[in-house]
Amino acid sequence: MRVAQLEIANALQSISAMRKKPEHHLQLRVRELGQLFNSMDLTPFLNKNLDREAEAFIETWAAEFPSDSRLRITIHLEHLPAAGDPSAIMIEAIHNYFDHKAGLTRSELNTSFEMVVSAR
């Protein structure tokens, strides 16, 4: 009886492991925080656009993996801002940028689908 329970537990762990999304990790090294964001963008920091080169680099890296992957980015700053640890605000700003971009892409796709449907 104990062996059967262990086998079932092992089988459940295997199934759980197979369902886990693969995780991929990108490590970026920059001199200062400003290198990641578009210096011409005058919006508040949490809503700033990413620098075009940084955006392209991240998107090219992410495109190499299946769409259901979990992506993790670690940013190493050579010079920390005088205001203190920017980790939380950087995470939020990068999430905001890609959430906004995903929303724009969804909107464009919906408009394209509506045009195709109405053309029929």
PDB file of N, CA and C in Angstrom:
ATOM      1  N   MET A   1       0.821  -1.190   0.000  1.00  0.00           N
ATOM      2  CA  MET A   1       0.000   0.000   0.000  1.00  0.00           C
ATOM      3  C   MET A   1       0.872   1.264   0.000  1.00  0.00           C
ATOM      4  N   ARG A   2       1.903   1.270   0.819  1.00  0.00           N
ATOM      5  CA  ARG A   2       2.795   2.431   0.902  1.00  0.00           C
ATOM      6  C   ARG A   2       3.508   2.675  -0.436  1.00  0.00           C
ATOM      7  N   VAL A   3       3.910   1.613  -1.123  1.00  0.00           N
ATOM      8  CA  VAL A   3       4.588   1.743  -2.411  1.00  0.00           C
ATOM      9  C   VAL A   3       3.654   2.377  -3.436  1.00  0.00           C
ATOM     10  N   ALA A   4       2.391   1.951  -3.448  1.00  0.00           N
ATOM     11  CA  ALA A   4       1.418   2.502  -4.394  1.00  0.00           C
ATOM     12  C   ALA A   4       1.212   3.994  -4.143  1.00  0.00           C
ATOM     13  N   GLN A   5       1.163   4.396  -2.879  1.00  0.00           N
ATOM     14  CA  GLN A   5       0.992   5.810  -2.553  1.00  0.00           C
ATOM     15  C   GLN A   5       2.191   6.618  -3.045  1.00  0.00           C
ATOM     16  N   LEU A   6       3.381   6.088  -2.855  1.00  0.00           N
ATOM     17  CA  LEU A   6       4.584   6.774  -3.321  1.00  0.00           C
ATOM     18  C   LEU A   6       4.602   6.885  -4.836  1.00  0.00           C
ATOM     19  N   GLU A   7       4.200   5.828  -5.527  1.00  0.00           N
ATOM     20  CA  GLU A   7       4.164   5.854  -6.985  1.00  0.00           C
ATOM     21  C   GLU A   7       3.162   6.889  -7.481  1.00  0.00           C
ATOM     22  N   ILE A   8       2.002   6.969  -6.835  1.00  0.00           N
ATOM     23  CA  ILE A   8       1.011   7.969  -7.221  1.00  0.00           C
ATOM     24  C   ILE A   8       1.549   9.375  -6.959  1.00  0.00           C
ATOM     25  N   ALA A   9       2.174   9.563  -5.805  1.00  0.00           N
ATOM     26  CA  ALA A   9       2.751  10.870  -5.479  1.00  0.00           C
ATOM     27  C   ALA A   9       3.820  11.255  -6.494  1.00  0.00           C
ATOM     28  N   ASN A  10       4.677  10.302  -6.872  1.00  0.00           N
ATOM     29  CA  ASN A  10       5.718  10.571  -7.864  1.00  0.00           C
ATOM     30  C   ASN A  10       5.106  10.902  -9.228  1.00  0.00           C
ATOM     31  N   ALA A  11       4.047  10.187  -9.597  1.00  0.00           N
ATOM     32  CA  ALA A  11       3.372  10.445 -10.874  1.00  0.00           C
ATOM     33  C   ALA A  11       2.756  11.842 -10.872  1.00  0.00           C
ATOM     34  N   LEU A  12       2.134  12.237  -9.768  1.00  0.00           N
ATOM     35  CA  LEU A  12       1.540  13.569  -9.674  1.00  0.00           C
ATOM     36  C   LEU A  12       2.604  14.652  -9.752  1.00  0.00           C
ATOM     37  N   GLN A  13       3.752  14.422  -9.127  1.00  0.00           N
ATOM     38  CA  GLN A  13       4.845  15.388  -9.204  1.00  0.00           C
ATOM     39  C   GLN A  13       5.361  15.506 -10.631  1.00  0.00           C
ATOM     40  N   SER A  14       5.431  14.384 -11.342  1.00  0.00           N
ATOM     41  CA  SER A  14       5.888  14.411 -12.738  1.00  0.00           C
ATOM     42  C   SER A  14       4.919  15.190 -13.606  1.00  0.00           C
ATOM     43  N   ILE A  15       3.621  14.970 -13.402  1.00  0.00           N
ATOM     44  CA  ILE A  15       2.603  15.698 -14.175  1.00  0.00           C
ATOM     45  C   ILE A  15       2.694  17.186 -13.862  1.00  0.00           C
ATOM     46  N   SER A  16       2.840  17.522 -12.599  1.00  0.00           N
ATOM     47  CA  SER A  16       2.955  18.919 -12.186  1.00  0.00           C
ATOM     48  C   SER A  16       4.181  19.569 -12.819  1.00  0.00           C
ATOM     49  N   ALA A  17       5.292  18.851 -12.851  1.00  0.00           N
ATOM     50  CA  ALA A  17       6.524  19.386 -13.451  1.00  0.00           C
ATOM     51  C   ALA A  17       6.354  19.612 -14.943  1.00  0.00           C
ATOM     52  N   MET A  18       5.612  18.717 -15.615  1.00  0.00           N
ATOM     53  CA  MET A  18       5.395  18.874 -17.057  1.00  0.00           C
ATOM     54  C   MET A  18       4.518  20.088 -17.345  1.00  0.00           C
ATOM     55  N   ARG A  19       3.604  20.415 -16.446  1.00  0.00           N
ATOM     56  CA  ARG A  19       2.703  21.549 -16.650  1.00  0.00           C
ATOM     57  C   ARG A  19       3.378  22.879 -16.351  1.00  0.00           C
ATOM     58  N   LYS A  20       4.474  22.830 -15.619  1.00  0.00           N
ATOM     59  CA  LYS A  20       5.191  24.055 -15.279  1.00  0.00           C
ATOM     60  C   LYS A  20       5.700  24.710 -16.556  1.00  0.00           C
ATOM     61  N   LYS A  21       5.495  25.994 -16.638  1.00  0.00           N
ATOM     62  CA  LYS A  21       5.986  26.722 -17.799  1.00  0.00           C
ATOM     63  C   LYS A  21       7.502  26.851 -17.698  1.00  0.00           C
ATOM     64  N   PRO A  22       8.187  26.707 -18.823  1.00  0.00           N
ATOM     65  CA  PRO A  22       9.645  26.877 -18.777  1.00  0.00           C
ATOM     66  C   PRO A  22       9.995  28.326 -18.434  1.00  0.00           C
ATOM     67  N   GLU A  23      11.078  28.485 -17.696  1.00  0.00           N
ATOM     68  CA  GLU A  23      11.517  29.829 -17.325  1.00  0.00           C
ATOM     69  C   GLU A  23      12.845  30.121 -17.994  1.00  0.00           C
ATOM     70  N   HIS A  24      12.943  31.328 -18.539  1.00  0.00           N
ATOM     71  CA  HIS A  24      14.173  31.766 -19.197  1.00  0.00           C
ATOM     72  C   HIS A  24      14.612  33.069 -18.540  1.00  0.00           C
ATOM     73  N   HIS A  25      15.904  33.231 -18.409  1.00  0.00           N
ATOM     74  CA  HIS A  25      16.444  34.343 -17.636  1.00  0.00           C
ATOM     75  C   HIS A  25      17.408  35.161 -18.494  1.00  0.00           C
ATOM     76  N   LEU A  26      17.142  36.458 -18.579  1.00  0.00           N
ATOM     77  CA  LEU A  26      18.014  37.397 -19.287  1.00  0.00           C
ATOM     78  C   LEU A  26      18.680  38.290 -18.243  1.00  0.00           C
ATOM     79  N   GLN A  27      19.983  38.464 -18.372  1.00  0.00           N
ATOM     80  CA  GLN A  27      20.700  39.372 -17.486  1.00  0.00           C
ATOM     81  C   GLN A  27      21.241  40.527 -18.311  1.00  0.00           C
ATOM     82  N   LEU A  28      20.817  41.741 -17.956  1.00  0.00           N
ATOM     83  CA  LEU A  28      21.281  42.947 -18.637  1.00  0.00           C
ATOM     84  C   LEU A  28      22.228  43.705 -17.721  1.00  0.00           C
ATOM     85  N   ARG A  29      23.278  44.234 -18.297  1.00  0.00           N
ATOM     86  CA  ARG A  29      24.212  45.059 -17.535  1.00  0.00           C
ATOM     87  C   ARG A  29      24.233  46.441 -18.182  1.00  0.00           C
ATOM     88  N   VAL A  30      23.949  47.446 -17.363  1.00  0.00           N
ATOM     89  CA  VAL A  30      23.961  48.829 -17.855  1.00  0.00           C
ATOM     90  C   VAL A  30      24.694  49.702 -16.844  1.00  0.00           C
ATOM     91  N   ARG A  31      25.231  50.817 -17.350  1.00  0.00           N
ATOM     92  CA  ARG A  31      25.939  51.739 -16.457  1.00  0.00           C
ATOM     93  C   ARG A  31      24.963  52.437 -15.510  1.00  0.00           C
ATOM     94  N   GLU A  32      23.868  52.925 -16.096  1.00  0.00           N
ATOM     95  CA  GLU A  32      22.896  53.668 -15.298  1.00  0.00           C
ATOM     96  C   GLU A  32      21.484  53.385 -15.790  1.00  0.00           C
ATOM     97  N   LEU A  33      20.533  53.666 -14.948  1.00  0.00           N
ATOM     98  CA  LEU A  33      19.132  53.384 -15.219  1.00  0.00           C
ATOM     99  C   LEU A  33      18.639  54.057 -16.497  1.00  0.00           C
ATOM    100  N   GLY A  34      19.116  55.253 -16.761  1.00  0.00           N
ATOM    101  CA  GLY A  34      18.683  56.009 -17.937  1.00  0.00           C
ATOM    102  C   GLY A  34      18.949  55.308 -19.258  1.00  0.00           C
ATOM    103  N   GLN A  35      19.876  54.379 -19.295  1.00  0.00           N
ATOM    104  CA  GLN A  35      20.178  53.661 -20.532  1.00  0.00           C
ATOM    105  C   GLN A  35      19.018  52.782 -20.984  1.00  0.00           C
ATOM    106  N   LEU A  36      18.169  52.380 -20.065  1.00  0.00           N
ATOM    107  CA  LEU A  36      17.052  51.490 -20.408  1.00  0.00           C
ATOM    108  C   LEU A  36      15.845  52.226 -20.983  1.00  0.00           C
ATOM    109  N   PHE A  37      15.747  53.525 -20.710  1.00  0.00           N
ATOM    110  CA  PHE A  37      14.552  54.266 -21.070  1.00  0.00           C
ATOM    111  C   PHE A  37      14.850  55.360 -22.073  1.00  0.00           C
ATOM    112  N   ASN A  38      13.846  55.698 -22.861  1.00  0.00           N
ATOM    113  CA  ASN A  38      13.959  56.704 -23.899  1.00  0.00           C
ATOM    114  C   ASN A  38      14.151  58.074 -23.250  1.00  0.00           C
ATOM    115  N   SER A  39      15.283  58.692 -23.488  1.00  0.00           N
ATOM    116  CA  SER A  39      15.594  59.978 -22.862  1.00  0.00           C
ATOM    117  C   SER A  39      14.733  61.112 -23.421  1.00  0.00           C
ATOM    118  N   MET A  40      14.141  60.928 -24.594  1.00  0.00           N
ATOM    119  CA  MET A  40      13.281  61.953 -25.201  1.00  0.00           C
ATOM    120  C   MET A  40      11.857  61.901 -24.651  1.00  0.00           C
ATOM    121  N   ASP A  41      11.511  60.851 -23.947  1.00  0.00           N
ATOM    122  CA  ASP A  41      10.167  60.663 -23.403  1.00  0.00           C
ATOM    123  C   ASP A  41      10.040  61.458 -22.108  1.00  0.00           C
ATOM    124  N   LEU A  42       9.138  62.437 -22.091  1.00  0.00           N
ATOM    125  CA  LEU A  42       9.001  63.311 -20.935  1.00  0.00           C
ATOM    126  C   LEU A  42       7.933  62.857 -19.942  1.00  0.00           C
ATOM    127  N   THR A  43       7.312  61.694 -20.194  1.00  0.00           N
ATOM    128  CA  THR A  43       6.284  61.205 -19.276  1.00  0.00           C
ATOM    129  C   THR A  43       6.910  60.786 -17.953  1.00  0.00           C
ATOM    130  N   PRO A  44       6.089  60.675 -16.900  1.00  0.00           N
ATOM    131  CA  PRO A  44       6.636  60.218 -15.611  1.00  0.00           C
ATOM    132  C   PRO A  44       7.336  58.867 -15.764  1.00  0.00           C
ATOM    133  N   PHE A  45       8.295  58.621 -14.892  1.00  0.00           N
ATOM    134  CA  PHE A  45       9.158  57.442 -15.021  1.00  0.00           C
ATOM    135  C   PHE A  45       8.392  56.139 -15.184  1.00  0.00           C
ATOM    136  N   LEU A  46       7.318  55.939 -14.420  1.00  0.00           N
ATOM    137  CA  LEU A  46       6.583  54.664 -14.481  1.00  0.00           C
ATOM    138  C   LEU A  46       5.915  54.433 -15.829  1.00  0.00           C
ATOM    139  N   ASN A  47       5.778  55.476 -16.635  1.00  0.00           N
ATOM    140  CA  ASN A  47       5.122  55.340 -17.946  1.00  0.00           C
ATOM    141  C   ASN A  47       6.058  55.606 -19.113  1.00  0.00           C
ATOM    142  N   LYS A  48       7.339  55.680 -18.852  1.00  0.00           N
ATOM    143  CA  LYS A  48       8.301  55.964 -19.920  1.00  0.00           C
ATOM    144  C   LYS A  48       8.413  54.812 -20.911  1.00  0.00           C
ATOM    145  N   ASN A  49       8.709  55.172 -22.148  1.00  0.00           N
ATOM    146  CA  ASN A  49       9.023  54.165 -23.160  1.00  0.00           C
ATOM    147  C   ASN A  49      10.427  53.638 -22.911  1.00  0.00           C
ATOM    148  N   LEU A  50      10.612  52.375 -23.227  1.00  0.00           N
ATOM    149  CA  LEU A  50      11.960  51.825 -23.163  1.00  0.00           C
ATOM    150  C   LEU A  50      12.792  52.406 -24.298  1.00  0.00           C
ATOM    151  N   ASP A  51      14.076  52.453 -24.111  1.00  0.00           N
ATOM    152  CA  ASP A  51      14.997  52.810 -25.174  1.00  0.00           C
ATOM    153  C   ASP A  51      14.785  51.813 -26.314  1.00  0.00           C
ATOM    154  N   ARG A  52      14.794  52.262 -27.550  1.00  0.00           N
ATOM    155  CA  ARG A  52      14.505  51.380 -28.691  1.00  0.00           C
ATOM    156  C   ARG A  52      15.460  50.191 -28.773  1.00  0.00           C
ATOM    157  N   GLU A  53      16.725  50.436 -28.505  1.00  0.00           N
ATOM    158  CA  GLU A  53      17.691  49.329 -28.559  1.00  0.00           C
ATOM    159  C   GLU A  53      17.457  48.330 -27.436  1.00  0.00           C
ATOM    160  N   ALA A  54      17.144  48.820 -26.250  1.00  0.00           N
ATOM    161  CA  ALA A  54      16.857  47.922 -25.121  1.00  0.00           C
ATOM    162  C   ALA A  54      15.593  47.111 -25.413  1.00  0.00           C
ATOM    163  N   GLU A  55      14.573  47.782 -25.925  1.00  0.00           N
ATOM    164  CA  GLU A  55      13.319  47.101 -26.274  1.00  0.00           C
ATOM    165  C   GLU A  55      13.560  46.014 -27.319  1.00  0.00           C
ATOM    166  N   ALA A  56      14.282  46.353 -28.382  1.00  0.00           N
ATOM    167  CA  ALA A  56      14.561  45.384 -29.447  1.00  0.00           C
ATOM    168  C   ALA A  56      15.360  44.199 -28.910  1.00  0.00           C
ATOM    169  N   PHE A  57      16.325  44.474 -28.056  1.00  0.00           N
ATOM    170  CA  PHE A  57      17.148  43.405 -27.489  1.00  0.00           C
ATOM    171  C   PHE A  57      16.288  42.455 -26.664  1.00  0.00           C
ATOM    172  N   ILE A  58      15.443  43.004 -25.790  1.00  0.00           N
ATOM    173  CA  ILE A  58      14.585  42.181 -24.936  1.00  0.00           C
ATOM    174  C   ILE A  58      13.601  41.382 -25.776  1.00  0.00           C
ATOM    175  N   GLU A  59      12.976  42.026 -26.759  1.00  0.00           N
ATOM    176  CA  GLU A  59      11.979  41.336 -27.586  1.00  0.00           C
ATOM    177  C   GLU A  59      12.611  40.255 -28.457  1.00  0.00           C
ATOM    178  N   THR A  60      13.792  40.506 -28.989  1.00  0.00           N
ATOM    179  CA  THR A  60      14.480  39.501 -29.798  1.00  0.00           C
ATOM    180  C   THR A  60      14.834  38.293 -28.936  1.00  0.00           C
ATOM    181  N   TRP A  61      15.317  38.549 -27.735  1.00  0.00           N
ATOM    182  CA  TRP A  61      15.640  37.468 -26.804  1.00  0.00           C
ATOM    183  C   TRP A  61      14.378  36.668 -26.480  1.00  0.00           C
ATOM    184  N   ALA A  62      13.293  37.353 -26.137  1.00  0.00           N
ATOM    185  CA  ALA A  62      12.058  36.678 -25.732  1.00  0.00           C
ATOM    186  C   ALA A  62      11.440  35.879 -26.875  1.00  0.00           C
ATOM    187  N   ALA A  63      11.602  36.338 -28.103  1.00  0.00           N
ATOM    188  CA  ALA A  63      11.008  35.668 -29.263  1.00  0.00           C
ATOM    189  C   ALA A  63      11.629  34.293 -29.524  1.00  0.00           C
ATOM    190  N   GLU A  64      12.766  34.023 -28.931  1.00  0.00           N
ATOM    191  CA  GLU A  64      13.432  32.736 -29.116  1.00  0.00           C
ATOM    192  C   GLU A  64      12.742  31.600 -28.359  1.00  0.00           C
ATOM    193  N   PHE A  65      11.815  31.931 -27.458  1.00  0.00           N
ATOM    194  CA  PHE A  65      11.228  30.935 -26.581  1.00  0.00           C
ATOM    195  C   PHE A  65       9.737  30.745 -26.859  1.00  0.00           C
ATOM    196  N   PRO A  66       9.181  29.597 -26.473  1.00  0.00           N
ATOM    197  CA  PRO A  66       7.743  29.367 -26.658  1.00  0.00           C
ATOM    198  C   PRO A  66       6.932  30.464 -25.960  1.00  0.00           C
ATOM    199  N   SER A  67       5.767  30.770 -26.514  1.00  0.00           N
ATOM    200  CA  SER A  67       4.965  31.878 -25.997  1.00  0.00           C
ATOM    201  C   SER A  67       4.446  31.645 -24.584  1.00  0.00           C
ATOM    202  N   ASP A  68       4.413  30.402 -24.125  1.00  0.00           N
ATOM    203  CA  ASP A  68       3.936  30.150 -22.763  1.00  0.00           C
ATOM    204  C   ASP A  68       5.071  30.157 -21.730  1.00  0.00           C
ATOM    205  N   SER A  69       6.249  30.542 -22.143  1.00  0.00           N
ATOM    206  CA  SER A  69       7.395  30.581 -21.229  1.00  0.00           C
ATOM    207  C   SER A  69       7.260  31.713 -20.227  1.00  0.00           C
ATOM    208  N   ARG A  70       7.887  31.510 -19.082  1.00  0.00           N
ATOM    209  CA  ARG A  70       8.015  32.569 -18.092  1.00  0.00           C
ATOM    210  C   ARG A  70       9.359  33.232 -18.353  1.00  0.00           C
ATOM    211  N   LEU A  71       9.340  34.548 -18.480  1.00  0.00           N
ATOM    212  CA  LEU A  71      10.565  35.281 -18.781  1.00  0.00           C
ATOM    213  C   LEU A  71      10.957  36.110 -17.567  1.00  0.00           C
ATOM    214  N   ARG A  72      12.220  36.062 -17.237  1.00  0.00           N
ATOM    215  CA  ARG A  72      12.725  36.799 -16.086  1.00  0.00           C
ATOM    216  C   ARG A  72      13.926  37.626 -16.529  1.00  0.00           C
ATOM    217  N   ILE A  73      13.921  38.887 -16.145  1.00  0.00           N
ATOM    218  CA  ILE A  73      15.017  39.790 -16.505  1.00  0.00           C
ATOM    219  C   ILE A  73      15.664  40.298 -15.222  1.00  0.00           C
ATOM    220  N   THR A  74      16.973  40.198 -15.169  1.00  0.00           N
ATOM    221  CA  THR A  74      17.728  40.775 -14.066  1.00  0.00           C
ATOM    222  C   THR A  74      18.561  41.898 -14.656  1.00  0.00           C
ATOM    223  N   ILE A  75      18.462  43.067 -14.038  1.00  0.00           N
ATOM    224  CA  ILE A  75      19.205  44.235 -14.524  1.00  0.00           C
ATOM    225  C   ILE A  75      20.280  44.576 -13.498  1.00  0.00           C
ATOM    226  N   HIS A  76      21.518  44.583 -13.962  1.00  0.00           N
ATOM    227  CA  HIS A  76      22.652  44.931 -13.111  1.00  0.00           C
ATOM    228  C   HIS A  76      23.060  46.365 -13.442  1.00  0.00           C
ATOM    229  N   LEU A  77      22.965  47.244 -12.460  1.00  0.00           N
ATOM    230  CA  LEU A  77      23.346  48.645 -12.637  1.00  0.00           C
ATOM    231  C   LEU A  77      24.736  48.876 -12.065  1.00  0.00           C
ATOM    232  N   GLU A  78      25.619  49.486 -12.874  1.00  0.00           N
ATOM    233  CA  GLU A  78      26.952  49.814 -12.370  1.00  0.00           C
ATOM    234  C   GLU A  78      26.883  50.955 -11.354  1.00  0.00           C
ATOM    235  N   HIS A  79      25.995  51.929 -11.639  1.00  0.00           N
ATOM    236  CA  HIS A  79      25.870  53.104 -10.765  1.00  0.00           C
ATOM    237  C   HIS A  79      24.428  53.213 -10.284  1.00  0.00           C
ATOM    238  N   LEU A  80      24.234  52.981  -8.991  1.00  0.00           N
ATOM    239  CA  LEU A  80      22.903  53.108  -8.421  1.00  0.00           C
ATOM    240  C   LEU A  80      22.545  54.587  -8.278  1.00  0.00           C
ATOM    241  N   PRO A  81      21.283  54.935  -8.479  1.00  0.00           N
ATOM    242  CA  PRO A  81      20.864  56.329  -8.289  1.00  0.00           C
ATOM    243  C   PRO A  81      21.041  56.749  -6.832  1.00  0.00           C
ATOM    244  N   ALA A  82      21.257  58.036  -6.635  1.00  0.00           N
ATOM    245  CA  ALA A  82      21.438  58.559  -5.277  1.00  0.00           C
ATOM    246  C   ALA A  82      20.173  58.378  -4.439  1.00  0.00           C
ATOM    247  N   ALA A  83      19.023  58.302  -5.105  1.00  0.00           N
ATOM    248  CA  ALA A  83      17.738  58.184  -4.395  1.00  0.00           C
ATOM    249  C   ALA A  83      17.557  56.822  -3.737  1.00  0.00           C
ATOM    250  N   GLY A  84      18.415  55.865  -4.012  1.00  0.00           N
ATOM    251  CA  GLY A  84      18.309  54.553  -3.384  1.00  0.00           C
ATOM    252  C   GLY A  84      18.037  53.440  -4.379  1.00  0.00           C
ATOM    253  N   ASP A  85      17.590  52.322  -3.863  1.00  0.00           N
ATOM    254  CA  ASP A  85      17.370  51.120  -4.659  1.00  0.00           C
ATOM    255  C   ASP A  85      16.196  51.314  -5.627  1.00  0.00           C
ATOM    256  N   PRO A  86      16.456  51.259  -6.925  1.00  0.00           N
ATOM    257  CA  PRO A  86      15.401  51.487  -7.909  1.00  0.00           C
ATOM    258  C   PRO A  86      14.664  50.209  -8.340  1.00  0.00           C
ATOM    259  N   SER A  87      14.917  49.085  -7.696  1.00  0.00           N
ATOM    260  CA  SER A  87      14.375  47.797  -8.144  1.00  0.00           C
ATOM    261  C   SER A  87      12.867  47.821  -8.347  1.00  0.00           C
ATOM    262  N   ALA A  88      12.126  48.232  -7.349  1.00  0.00           N
ATOM    263  CA  ALA A  88      10.662  48.186  -7.425  1.00  0.00           C
ATOM    264  C   ALA A  88      10.133  49.072  -8.543  1.00  0.00           C
ATOM    265  N   ILE A  89      10.674  50.268  -8.671  1.00  0.00           N
ATOM    266  CA  ILE A  89      10.181  51.182  -9.700  1.00  0.00           C
ATOM    267  C   ILE A  89      10.587  50.699 -11.101  1.00  0.00           C
ATOM    268  N   MET A  90      11.769  50.081 -11.225  1.00  0.00           N
ATOM    269  CA  MET A  90      12.186  49.534 -12.523  1.00  0.00           C
ATOM    270  C   MET A  90      11.264  48.399 -12.940  1.00  0.00           C
ATOM    271  N   ILE A  91      10.951  47.516 -12.017  1.00  0.00           N
ATOM    272  CA  ILE A  91      10.063  46.388 -12.319  1.00  0.00           C
ATOM    273  C   ILE A  91       8.716  46.910 -12.798  1.00  0.00           C
ATOM    274  N   GLU A  92       8.168  47.870 -12.058  1.00  0.00           N
ATOM    275  CA  GLU A  92       6.857  48.408 -12.420  1.00  0.00           C
ATOM    276  C   GLU A  92       6.903  49.130 -13.766  1.00  0.00           C
ATOM    277  N   ALA A  93       7.943  49.897 -14.014  1.00  0.00           N
ATOM    278  CA  ALA A  93       8.056  50.644 -15.268  1.00  0.00           C
ATOM    279  C   ALA A  93       8.166  49.695 -16.472  1.00  0.00           C
ATOM    280  N   ILE A  94       8.955  48.638 -16.341  1.00  0.00           N
ATOM    281  CA  ILE A  94       9.113  47.681 -17.448  1.00  0.00           C
ATOM    282  C   ILE A  94       7.818  46.907 -17.665  1.00  0.00           C
ATOM    283  N   HIS A  95       7.167  46.487 -16.588  1.00  0.00           N
ATOM    284  CA  HIS A  95       5.869  45.812 -16.716  1.00  0.00           C
ATOM    285  C   HIS A  95       4.848  46.739 -17.381  1.00  0.00           C
ATOM    286  N   ASN A  96       4.802  47.995 -16.924  1.00  0.00           N
ATOM    287  CA  ASN A  96       3.859  48.960 -17.512  1.00  0.00           C
ATOM    288  C   ASN A  96       4.090  49.111 -19.006  1.00  0.00           C
ATOM    289  N   TYR A  97       5.353  49.205 -19.389  1.00  0.00           N
ATOM    290  CA  TYR A  97       5.669  49.396 -20.808  1.00  0.00           C
ATOM    291  C   TYR A  97       5.173  48.224 -21.648  1.00  0.00           C
ATOM    292  N   PHE A  98       5.503  47.008 -21.242  1.00  0.00           N
ATOM    293  CA  PHE A  98       5.106  45.854 -22.039  1.00  0.00           C
ATOM    294  C   PHE A  98       3.609  45.558 -21.926  1.00  0.00           C
ATOM    295  N   ASP A  99       2.984  45.866 -20.790  1.00  0.00           N
ATOM    296  CA  ASP A  99       1.520  45.734 -20.693  1.00  0.00           C
ATOM    297  C   ASP A  99       0.836  46.695 -21.654  1.00  0.00           C
ATOM    298  N   HIS A 100       1.321  47.931 -21.697  1.00  0.00           N
ATOM    299  CA  HIS A 100       0.755  48.928 -22.615  1.00  0.00           C
ATOM    300  C   HIS A 100       0.946  48.497 -24.065  1.00  0.00           C
ATOM    301  N   LYS A 101       2.131  48.022 -24.375  1.00  0.00           N
ATOM    302  CA  LYS A 101       2.415  47.588 -25.747  1.00  0.00           C
ATOM    303  C   LYS A 101       1.545  46.386 -26.132  1.00  0.00           C
ATOM    304  N   ALA A 102       1.351  45.453 -25.208  1.00  0.00           N
ATOM    305  CA  ALA A 102       0.482  44.294 -25.467  1.00  0.00           C
ATOM    306  C   ALA A 102      -0.954  44.750 -25.698  1.00  0.00           C
ATOM    307  N   GLY A 103      -1.414  45.730 -24.933  1.00  0.00           N
ATOM    308  CA  GLY A 103      -2.766  46.268 -25.119  1.00  0.00           C
ATOM    309  C   GLY A 103      -2.938  46.900 -26.487  1.00  0.00           C
ATOM    310  N   LEU A 104      -1.934  47.645 -26.933  1.00  0.00           N
ATOM    311  CA  LEU A 104      -1.986  48.250 -28.262  1.00  0.00           C
ATOM    312  C   LEU A 104      -2.038  47.178 -29.349  1.00  0.00           C
ATOM    313  N   THR A 105      -1.239  46.137 -29.178  1.00  0.00           N
ATOM    314  CA  THR A 105      -1.214  45.042 -30.161  1.00  0.00           C
ATOM    315  C   THR A 105      -2.562  44.334 -30.203  1.00  0.00           C
ATOM    316  N   ARG A 106      -3.161  44.065 -29.025  1.00  0.00           N
ATOM    317  CA  ARG A 106      -4.488  43.432 -28.987  1.00  0.00           C
ATOM    318  C   ARG A 106      -5.526  44.297 -29.693  1.00  0.00           C
ATOM    319  N   SER A 107      -5.461  45.592 -29.448  1.00  0.00           N
ATOM    320  CA  SER A 107      -6.400  46.526 -30.071  1.00  0.00           C
ATOM    321  C   SER A 107      -6.252  46.519 -31.599  1.00  0.00           C
ATOM    322  N   GLU A 108      -5.007  46.539 -32.069  1.00  0.00           N
ATOM    323  CA  GLU A 108      -4.758  46.495 -33.509  1.00  0.00           C
ATOM    324  C   GLU A 108      -5.278  45.194 -34.122  1.00  0.00           C
ATOM    325  N   LEU A 109      -5.052  44.072 -33.433  1.00  0.00           N
ATOM    326  CA  LEU A 109      -5.545  42.782 -33.930  1.00  0.00           C
ATOM    327  C   LEU A 109      -7.066  42.753 -33.979  1.00  0.00           C
ATOM    328  N   ASN A 110      -7.716  43.269 -32.930  1.00  0.00           N
ATOM    329  CA  ASN A 110      -9.174  43.308 -32.924  1.00  0.00           C
ATOM    330  C   ASN A 110      -9.707  44.155 -34.064  1.00  0.00           C
ATOM    331  N   THR A 111      -9.076  45.288 -34.327  1.00  0.00           N
ATOM    332  CA  THR A 111      -9.486  46.144 -35.440  1.00  0.00           C
ATOM    333  C   THR A 111      -9.314  45.409 -36.760  1.00  0.00           C
ATOM    334  N   SER A 112      -8.191  44.699 -36.914  1.00  0.00           N
ATOM    335  CA  SER A 112      -7.949  43.938 -38.151  1.00  0.00           C
ATOM    336  C   SER A 112      -8.983  42.839 -38.329  1.00  0.00           C
ATOM    337  N   PHE A 113      -9.308  42.115 -37.244  1.00  0.00           N
ATOM    338  CA  PHE A 113     -10.315  41.054 -37.327  1.00  0.00           C
ATOM    339  C   PHE A 113     -11.686  41.623 -37.677  1.00  0.00           C
ATOM    340  N   GLU A 114     -12.022  42.771 -37.094  1.00  0.00           N
ATOM    341  CA  GLU A 114     -13.311  43.414 -37.376  1.00  0.00           C
ATOM    342  C   GLU A 114     -13.377  43.814 -38.846  1.00  0.00           C
ATOM    343  N   MET A 115     -12.263  44.292 -39.396  1.00  0.00           N
ATOM    344  CA  MET A 115     -12.241  44.688 -40.806  1.00  0.00           C
ATOM    345  C   MET A 115     -12.427  43.467 -41.689  1.00  0.00           C
ATOM    346  N   VAL A 116     -11.809  42.349 -41.352  1.00  0.00           N
ATOM    347  CA  VAL A 116     -11.942  41.124 -42.140  1.00  0.00           C
ATOM    348  C   VAL A 116     -13.382  40.613 -42.085  1.00  0.00           C
ATOM    349  N   VAL A 117     -13.966  40.617 -40.909  1.00  0.00           N
ATOM    350  CA  VAL A 117     -15.336  40.135 -40.747  1.00  0.00           C
ATOM    351  C   VAL A 117     -16.308  41.031 -41.488  1.00  0.00           C
ATOM    352  N   SER A 118     -16.137  42.350 -41.411  1.00  0.00           N
ATOM    353  CA  SER A 118     -17.068  43.249 -42.081  1.00  0.00           C
ATOM    354  C   SER A 118     -16.887  43.226 -43.592  1.00  0.00           C
ATOM    355  N   ALA A 119     -15.712  42.802 -44.068  1.00  0.00           N
ATOM    356  CA  ALA A 119     -15.463  42.732 -45.510  1.00  0.00           C
ATOM    357  C   ALA A 119     -16.166  41.531 -46.142  1.00  0.00           C
ATOM    358  N   ARG A 120     -16.560  40.576 -45.328  1.00  0.00           N
ATOM    359  CA  ARG A 120     -17.217  39.385 -45.866  1.00  0.00           C
ATOM    360  C   ARG A 120     -18.593  39.676 -46.193  1.00  0.00           C
TER     361      ARG A 120
END
